[in-house]
Amino acid sequence: MMINPKFLLYYINSDQMPLVKLLEFIWINEIKFKVPVLFNHIYNKLEVQNAIWITKIIMTLFLYSFHLNNVCRFWDYLLANSIFDISAIICSLIVANRCKILGMEDLH
């Protein structure tokens, strides 16, 4: 899994984090395309930086942010597909929490 082209986990923590940057780029474009209202709210109104949350989720493969039972399900999905589907999981989580996110006026 570390160097398998389907997963490329070796590159998550390598110098300059090329895989993390690529996965962030994929996620940003996916959310921008699928749910532009959420994208605008997160990045324009709340002014959330990727380093605060998306980078952390990708680099820890959900372990830092979610319960282990959920993480196991996410990993099952990623193992059945590829590391590039991490954006689909994150996008689904964002859409599932749409009302809470849109109700936020700021990050405090």
C-alpha atoms as a PDB file:
ATOM      1  CA  MET A   1       0.000   0.000   0.000  1.00  0.00           C
ATOM      2  CA  MET A   2       2.846   2.358   0.687  1.00  0.00           C
ATOM      3  CA  ILE A   3       3.975   2.606  -2.944  1.00  0.00           C
ATOM      4  CA  ASN A   4       1.051   0.949  -4.742  1.00  0.00           C
ATOM      5  CA  PRO A   5      -0.185   3.456  -7.377  1.00  0.00           C
ATOM      6  CA  LYS A   6      -3.724   2.967  -6.093  1.00  0.00           C
ATOM      7  CA  PHE A   7      -2.847   4.249  -2.606  1.00  0.00           C
ATOM      8  CA  LEU A   8       0.561   5.995  -2.611  1.00  0.00           C
ATOM      9  CA  LEU A   9       0.568   6.354   1.182  1.00  0.00           C
ATOM     10  CA  TYR A  10       4.336   6.816   1.160  1.00  0.00           C
ATOM     11  CA  TYR A  11       3.824  10.276  -0.334  1.00  0.00           C
ATOM     12  CA  ILE A  12       1.442  11.596   2.335  1.00  0.00           C
ATOM     13  CA  ASN A  13       4.331  12.492   4.653  1.00  0.00           C
ATOM     14  CA  SER A  14       7.119  12.923   2.115  1.00  0.00           C
ATOM     15  CA  ASP A  15       8.948  16.198   1.514  1.00  0.00           C
ATOM     16  CA  GLN A  16       6.672  18.982   0.306  1.00  0.00           C
ATOM     17  CA  MET A  17       3.680  16.603   0.682  1.00  0.00           C
ATOM     18  CA  PRO A  18       2.785  16.273  -3.025  1.00  0.00           C
ATOM     19  CA  LEU A  19      -0.004  13.755  -2.381  1.00  0.00           C
ATOM     20  CA  VAL A  20      -1.614  15.900   0.309  1.00  0.00           C
ATOM     21  CA  LYS A  21      -1.565  18.914  -1.989  1.00  0.00           C
ATOM     22  CA  LEU A  22      -3.061  16.862  -4.828  1.00  0.00           C
ATOM     23  CA  LEU A  23      -5.813  15.448  -2.601  1.00  0.00           C
ATOM     24  CA  GLU A  24      -6.609  18.941  -1.290  1.00  0.00           C
ATOM     25  CA  PHE A  25      -6.829  20.206  -4.871  1.00  0.00           C
ATOM     26  CA  ILE A  26      -9.158  17.343  -5.840  1.00  0.00           C
ATOM     27  CA  TRP A  27     -11.367  17.943  -2.801  1.00  0.00           C
ATOM     28  CA  ILE A  28     -11.590  21.701  -3.333  1.00  0.00           C
ATOM     29  CA  ASN A  29     -12.642  21.219  -6.931  1.00  0.00           C
ATOM     30  CA  GLU A  30     -15.109  18.477  -6.026  1.00  0.00           C
ATOM     31  CA  ILE A  31     -16.875  20.563  -3.369  1.00  0.00           C
ATOM     32  CA  LYS A  32     -16.770  23.640  -5.612  1.00  0.00           C
ATOM     33  CA  PHE A  33     -18.462  21.661  -8.396  1.00  0.00           C
ATOM     34  CA  LYS A  34     -20.941  19.612  -6.317  1.00  0.00           C
ATOM     35  CA  VAL A  35     -21.970  22.124  -3.647  1.00  0.00           C
ATOM     36  CA  PRO A  36     -20.833  25.645  -4.556  1.00  0.00           C
ATOM     37  CA  VAL A  37     -22.918  27.196  -1.756  1.00  0.00           C
ATOM     38  CA  LEU A  38     -20.953  25.240   0.862  1.00  0.00           C
ATOM     39  CA  PHE A  39     -17.660  25.999  -0.853  1.00  0.00           C
ATOM     40  CA  ASN A  40     -18.388  29.731  -0.799  1.00  0.00           C
ATOM     41  CA  HIS A  41     -19.510  29.627   2.824  1.00  0.00           C
ATOM     42  CA  ILE A  42     -16.471  27.655   4.003  1.00  0.00           C
ATOM     43  CA  TYR A  43     -13.806  29.492   2.034  1.00  0.00           C
ATOM     44  CA  ASN A  44     -15.250  32.978   1.517  1.00  0.00           C
ATOM     45  CA  LYS A  45     -17.472  33.702   4.533  1.00  0.00           C
ATOM     46  CA  LEU A  46     -15.773  31.609   7.229  1.00  0.00           C
ATOM     47  CA  GLU A  47     -12.351  32.008   5.576  1.00  0.00           C
ATOM     48  CA  VAL A  48     -11.291  28.511   6.650  1.00  0.00           C
ATOM     49  CA  GLN A  49      -7.735  27.572   5.748  1.00  0.00           C
ATOM     50  CA  ASN A  50      -7.001  24.034   4.527  1.00  0.00           C
ATOM     51  CA  ALA A  51      -4.332  23.562   7.189  1.00  0.00           C
ATOM     52  CA  ILE A  52      -6.943  23.910   9.934  1.00  0.00           C
ATOM     53  CA  TRP A  53      -8.930  20.865   8.911  1.00  0.00           C
ATOM     54  CA  ILE A  54      -8.615  19.297   5.446  1.00  0.00           C
ATOM     55  CA  THR A  55      -4.852  18.795   5.621  1.00  0.00           C
ATOM     56  CA  LYS A  56      -5.179  17.241   9.079  1.00  0.00           C
ATOM     57  CA  ILE A  57      -7.901  14.831   7.915  1.00  0.00           C
ATOM     58  CA  ILE A  58      -5.877  13.719   4.892  1.00  0.00           C
ATOM     59  CA  MET A  59      -2.545  13.362   6.696  1.00  0.00           C
ATOM     60  CA  THR A  60      -4.012  11.330   9.563  1.00  0.00           C
ATOM     61  CA  LEU A  61      -6.405   9.398   7.298  1.00  0.00           C
ATOM     62  CA  PHE A  62      -9.320  10.438   9.536  1.00  0.00           C
ATOM     63  CA  LEU A  63      -7.783   9.015  12.764  1.00  0.00           C
ATOM     64  CA  TYR A  64      -7.424  12.342  14.544  1.00  0.00           C
ATOM     65  CA  SER A  65     -10.925  13.621  13.780  1.00  0.00           C
ATOM     66  CA  PHE A  66     -13.300  10.656  13.898  1.00  0.00           C
ATOM     67  CA  HIS A  67     -14.246   7.678  16.046  1.00  0.00           C
ATOM     68  CA  LEU A  68     -12.388   4.449  15.224  1.00  0.00           C
ATOM     69  CA  ASN A  69     -15.557   2.666  14.059  1.00  0.00           C
ATOM     70  CA  ASN A  70     -16.118   5.369  11.455  1.00  0.00           C
ATOM     71  CA  VAL A  71     -12.464   5.377  10.465  1.00  0.00           C
ATOM     72  CA  CYS A  72     -12.606   1.619   9.785  1.00  0.00           C
ATOM     73  CA  ARG A  73     -15.542   2.159   7.436  1.00  0.00           C
ATOM     74  CA  PHE A  74     -13.745   4.994   5.667  1.00  0.00           C
ATOM     75  CA  TRP A  75     -10.641   2.811   5.261  1.00  0.00           C
ATOM     76  CA  ASP A  76     -12.726  -0.076   3.898  1.00  0.00           C
ATOM     77  CA  TYR A  77     -14.076   2.282   1.279  1.00  0.00           C
ATOM     78  CA  LEU A  78     -10.605   3.598   0.419  1.00  0.00           C
ATOM     79  CA  LEU A  79      -9.129   0.092   0.216  1.00  0.00           C
ATOM     80  CA  ALA A  80     -11.921  -1.003  -2.108  1.00  0.00           C
ATOM     81  CA  ASN A  81     -11.400   2.051  -4.323  1.00  0.00           C
ATOM     82  CA  SER A  82      -8.305   4.241  -4.033  1.00  0.00           C
ATOM     83  CA  ILE A  83      -6.761   7.010  -1.954  1.00  0.00           C
ATOM     84  CA  PHE A  84      -8.179   9.502  -4.436  1.00  0.00           C
ATOM     85  CA  ASP A  85     -11.682   8.725  -3.188  1.00  0.00           C
ATOM     86  CA  ILE A  86     -10.824  10.397   0.103  1.00  0.00           C
ATOM     87  CA  SER A  87     -12.322  13.553  -1.381  1.00  0.00           C
ATOM     88  CA  ALA A  88     -15.658  11.758  -1.896  1.00  0.00           C
ATOM     89  CA  ILE A  89     -15.764  10.788   1.788  1.00  0.00           C
ATOM     90  CA  ILE A  90     -14.910  14.294   2.953  1.00  0.00           C
ATOM     91  CA  CYS A  91     -17.420  15.801   0.534  1.00  0.00           C
ATOM     92  CA  SER A  92     -20.143  13.453   1.824  1.00  0.00           C
ATOM     93  CA  LEU A  93     -19.356  14.430   5.413  1.00  0.00           C
ATOM     94  CA  ILE A  94     -19.566  18.110   4.519  1.00  0.00           C
ATOM     95  CA  VAL A  95     -22.888  17.656   2.710  1.00  0.00           C
ATOM     96  CA  ALA A  96     -24.271  15.606   5.625  1.00  0.00           C
ATOM     97  CA  ASN A  97     -23.480  18.535   7.940  1.00  0.00           C
ATOM     98  CA  ARG A  98     -24.618  21.184   5.494  1.00  0.00           C
ATOM     99  CA  CYS A  99     -27.171  22.856   7.793  1.00  0.00           C
ATOM    100  CA  LYS A 100     -24.725  23.157  10.686  1.00  0.00           C
ATOM    101  CA  ILE A 101     -22.012  24.566   8.449  1.00  0.00           C
ATOM    102  CA  LEU A 102     -24.292  27.085   6.748  1.00  0.00           C
ATOM    103  CA  GLY A 103     -25.580  28.155  10.169  1.00  0.00           C
ATOM    104  CA  MET A 104     -22.102  29.127  11.319  1.00  0.00           C
ATOM    105  CA  GLU A 105     -21.342  32.836  11.326  1.00  0.00           C
ATOM    106  CA  ASP A 106     -17.686  32.390  12.258  1.00  0.00           C
ATOM    107  CA  LEU A 107     -15.302  29.714  13.519  1.00  0.00           C
ATOM    108  CA  HIS A 108     -15.779  30.517  17.193  1.00  0.00           C
END
